[in-house]
Each structure stands twice: as structure tokens, then as C-alpha cells.
Protein backbone atom coordinates (compact mmCIF):
# COMPACT_ATOMS: atom_id res chain seq x y z
CA UNK A 1 128.29 147.44 107.19
CA UNK A 2 125.83 146.36 104.40
CA UNK A 3 128.50 143.85 103.05
CA UNK A 4 128.79 142.58 106.62
CA UNK A 5 124.98 141.96 106.61
CA UNK A 6 125.02 140.34 103.37
CA UNK A 7 127.87 137.98 104.59
CA UNK A 8 125.78 137.02 107.44
CA UNK A 9 122.68 136.39 105.45
CA UNK A 10 124.61 134.22 103.03
CA UNK A 11 126.09 132.20 106.01
CA UNK A 12 122.77 131.82 107.66
CA UNK A 13 121.14 130.37 104.47
CA UNK A 14 124.08 127.91 104.01
CA UNK A 15 123.82 126.90 107.74
CA UNK A 16 120.03 126.51 107.16
CA UNK A 17 120.70 124.41 104.04
CA UNK A 18 123.07 122.31 105.84
CA UNK A 19 120.67 121.56 108.77
CA UNK A 20 117.92 120.89 106.40
CA UNK A 21 119.91 118.23 104.55
CA UNK A 22 121.40 116.64 107.72
CA UNK A 23 117.99 116.44 109.39
CA UNK A 24 116.76 114.91 106.07
CA UNK A 25 119.32 112.27 105.96
CA UNK A 26 118.86 111.64 109.71
CA UNK A 27 115.19 111.04 109.42
CA UNK A 28 115.42 108.71 106.55
CA UNK A 29 114.00 111.22 103.81
CA UNK A 30 116.36 109.84 101.20
CA UNK A 31 115.21 108.04 98.07
CA UNK A 32 114.15 104.25 98.71
CA UNK A 33 115.70 101.56 96.62
CA UNK A 34 112.99 99.97 94.46
CA UNK A 35 111.55 96.53 95.83
CA UNK A 36 111.49 94.12 93.26
CA UNK A 37 111.21 90.98 95.41
CA UNK A 38 107.78 90.20 97.17
CA UNK A 39 108.93 88.50 100.32
CA UNK A 40 105.27 87.38 101.02
CA UNK A 41 105.07 85.20 97.88
CA UNK A 42 105.14 81.48 97.97
CA UNK A 43 108.00 80.89 95.33
CA UNK A 44 106.79 77.24 94.43
CA UNK A 45 103.44 78.91 93.51
CA UNK A 46 105.14 81.55 91.61
CA UNK A 47 107.21 79.13 89.83
CA UNK A 48 104.12 77.07 88.90
CA UNK A 49 102.26 80.10 87.36
CA UNK A 50 105.53 81.06 85.53
CA UNK A 51 105.93 77.59 83.83
CA UNK A 52 102.09 77.69 82.91
CA UNK A 53 102.62 80.98 81.10
CA UNK A 54 106.05 79.95 79.67
CA UNK A 55 104.15 76.64 78.12
CA UNK A 56 101.36 78.98 76.64
CA UNK A 57 103.97 81.53 74.98
CA UNK A 58 106.68 79.01 74.04
CA UNK A 59 109.47 80.52 76.50
CA UNK A 60 111.48 79.42 79.28
CA UNK A 61 111.18 80.73 82.87
CA UNK A 62 114.00 83.00 84.02
CA UNK A 63 114.20 82.87 87.97
CA UNK A 64 116.43 85.77 89.22
CA UNK A 65 117.01 84.36 92.92
CA UNK A 66 117.96 86.94 95.47
CA UNK A 67 116.28 89.60 97.49
CA UNK A 68 115.82 93.47 98.16
CA UNK A 69 118.63 93.19 100.62
CA UNK A 70 121.06 92.48 97.61
CA UNK A 71 122.47 95.67 95.68
CA UNK A 72 123.51 93.55 92.80
CA UNK A 73 120.03 91.72 92.61
CA UNK A 74 118.47 95.30 92.27
CA UNK A 75 120.95 96.41 89.55
CA UNK A 76 120.21 93.15 87.51
CA UNK A 77 116.45 93.61 87.71
CA UNK A 78 116.87 97.38 86.39
CA UNK A 79 119.21 96.24 83.69
CA UNK A 80 117.16 93.39 82.43
CA UNK A 81 114.16 95.57 82.15
CA UNK A 82 115.75 98.75 80.74
CA UNK A 83 118.68 97.90 78.63
CA UNK A 84 117.67 98.42 74.98
CA UNK A 85 119.49 94.90 73.97
CA UNK A 86 118.70 92.77 77.07
CA UNK A 87 115.03 93.89 77.70
CA UNK A 88 113.85 92.75 74.27
CA UNK A 89 115.79 89.41 74.69
CA UNK A 90 114.23 88.82 78.05
CA UNK A 91 110.63 89.49 76.84
CA UNK A 92 110.84 87.41 73.88
CA UNK A 93 112.54 84.46 75.37
CA UNK A 94 111.66 84.01 79.03
CA UNK A 95 108.91 84.39 81.75
CA UNK A 96 111.04 86.65 84.11
CA UNK A 97 110.45 86.22 88.00
CA UNK A 98 112.05 87.36 91.15
CA UNK A 99 112.27 84.50 93.57
CA UNK A 100 112.74 85.67 96.93
CA UNK A 101 115.33 84.46 99.48
CA UNK A 102 115.48 86.60 102.82
CA UNK A 103 115.53 86.26 106.41
CA UNK A 104 111.83 86.76 106.44
CA UNK A 105 111.18 84.10 103.71
CA UNK A 106 113.65 81.77 102.61
CA UNK A 107 111.38 79.81 100.30
CA UNK A 108 113.37 76.71 101.34
CA UNK A 109 111.05 74.39 99.26
CA UNK A 110 111.87 76.33 96.10
CA UNK A 111 115.52 76.71 96.81
CA UNK A 112 115.66 72.87 97.00
CA UNK A 113 113.64 72.38 93.92
CA UNK A 114 115.76 74.91 92.05
CA UNK A 115 119.04 73.08 92.95
CA UNK A 116 120.13 75.09 95.77
CA UNK A 117 121.30 78.03 93.80
CA UNK A 118 122.33 80.12 96.62
CA UNK A 119 125.63 78.22 96.84
CA UNK A 120 126.69 80.48 94.03
CA UNK A 121 125.92 83.84 95.63
CA UNK A 122 123.38 86.16 94.82
CA UNK A 123 121.91 87.14 92.36
CA UNK A 124 121.76 83.55 90.84
CA UNK A 125 119.65 82.82 87.81
CA UNK A 126 117.93 79.46 87.08
CA UNK A 127 116.62 78.78 83.78
CA UNK A 128 113.42 76.49 83.80
CA UNK A 129 112.25 74.64 80.74
CA UNK A 130 108.58 74.84 79.49
CA UNK A 131 107.96 71.74 81.95
CA UNK A 132 109.10 73.77 84.86
CA UNK A 133 112.43 71.65 85.25
CA UNK A 134 115.84 73.38 86.11
CA UNK A 135 118.00 73.33 83.31
CA UNK A 136 120.79 75.72 84.17
CA UNK A 137 121.86 77.70 87.12
CA UNK A 138 124.14 80.77 86.06
CA UNK A 139 126.00 82.52 88.81
CA UNK A 140 126.08 86.27 88.30
CA UNK A 141 129.75 87.22 89.09
CA UNK A 142 130.75 86.35 85.39
CA UNK A 143 128.02 88.48 84.04
CA UNK A 144 129.39 91.61 85.90
CA UNK A 145 131.29 94.56 84.63
CA UNK A 146 132.41 97.66 86.81
CA UNK A 147 129.35 98.35 89.03
CA UNK A 148 127.12 96.98 86.70
CA UNK A 149 126.42 94.10 84.26
CA UNK A 150 128.00 93.45 80.98
CA UNK A 151 125.60 93.69 77.96
CA UNK A 152 127.74 91.36 75.81
CA UNK A 153 128.06 88.76 78.80
CA UNK A 154 124.47 88.99 79.69
CA UNK A 155 123.16 88.69 75.88
CA UNK A 156 125.36 85.58 75.37
CA UNK A 157 124.04 83.85 78.67
CA UNK A 158 120.34 84.75 77.35
CA UNK A 159 120.95 83.50 73.78
CA UNK A 160 122.64 80.37 74.84
CA UNK A 161 119.72 79.33 77.36
CA UNK A 162 116.83 80.28 75.54
CA UNK A 163 114.26 77.38 74.28
CA UNK A 164 115.09 77.99 70.47
CA UNK A 165 118.92 77.45 71.32
CA UNK A 166 118.46 74.62 73.71
CA UNK A 167 116.06 72.59 71.80
CA UNK A 168 117.61 73.39 68.25
CA UNK A 169 118.03 70.10 66.29
CA UNK A 170 121.43 68.82 65.82
CA UNK A 171 122.41 68.42 62.10
């Protein structure tokens, strides 16, 4: 009889755990994905401010165009600031901004200025020189590897399109 009671208590605990987890998922008590894109920002003002900072610091501007709705956009945003090789390259060579494109704010003026980068899919990267002029649009698919990004491919992209590389004297 004691073992039956123990069995019933065990089953009740399992049922209670199951119901708690089910209720939590149904009510949305799960971890929210981080939001890196601010849908309220005027992208042209954001680009202008980034360009001014780039001029002062001798860097280019790296615009990551996409939105919080895009899992690959969020993956790259995390990769760019956490990877031990990529993060220092980004910091040293680029003013890194997230240019929002979403249903709520398509930033059409900025998309036109950046050369309609969405035609390449999302995320898409637009490198601006120190004057704020778009000099390169990079689709992201070629930088992907598995369910993330290839350090080697992203590093190559960042090294080929930074200010030192682009403005190097040809001898």
C-alpha cells in the first residue's frame, strides 16, 4: 500500500510539472528573443550620426539591414559582438548600426539611399565610407555556415571592406 501511495505521489508531481510547463508555454512565459532593431528610429538620422562618428574615429559604417522578425539578423547581431575574432574587428574598423526594415517602419528613404539592399534578402550589410556613401552591399547567405555564421568568411568580408583595405595605396 505504501508503494502505491508513493507511485501516485510521483505521478501527481509529474502531472503537476507537465501542467505548469504547458500553461507557461501557452501564456507566453518563455524567453523573448533580444531586440536589436529599434523600429521607431529614423534610419537616415541614424546613418548620419554613424557617419559623423566614423569620420571622427577613422572607421567605416557597417549597416546591418533587417529586423527583429528575422532570426538570421538576430544571430548575426549576437555573433558580431560576442565572437572573439569578429567582435574586435568590428569595433576597430566599423561603426556598427542596425537599420530597421519592418512592417512597422520600412525606412523607405534609407532603403533607397542604401541601394535597395533588401533585394539580397535579410540580413544584408551595407558598408558606407567615411563620407556616408554606400561602397559595398554584402548579402549574408555566403557568410552562413550551418545554423550560424562562418568566422572565416565573415572575417574575410570585414578585412576586405574596412577603410584601411579600401583606401590602401596601390604600388
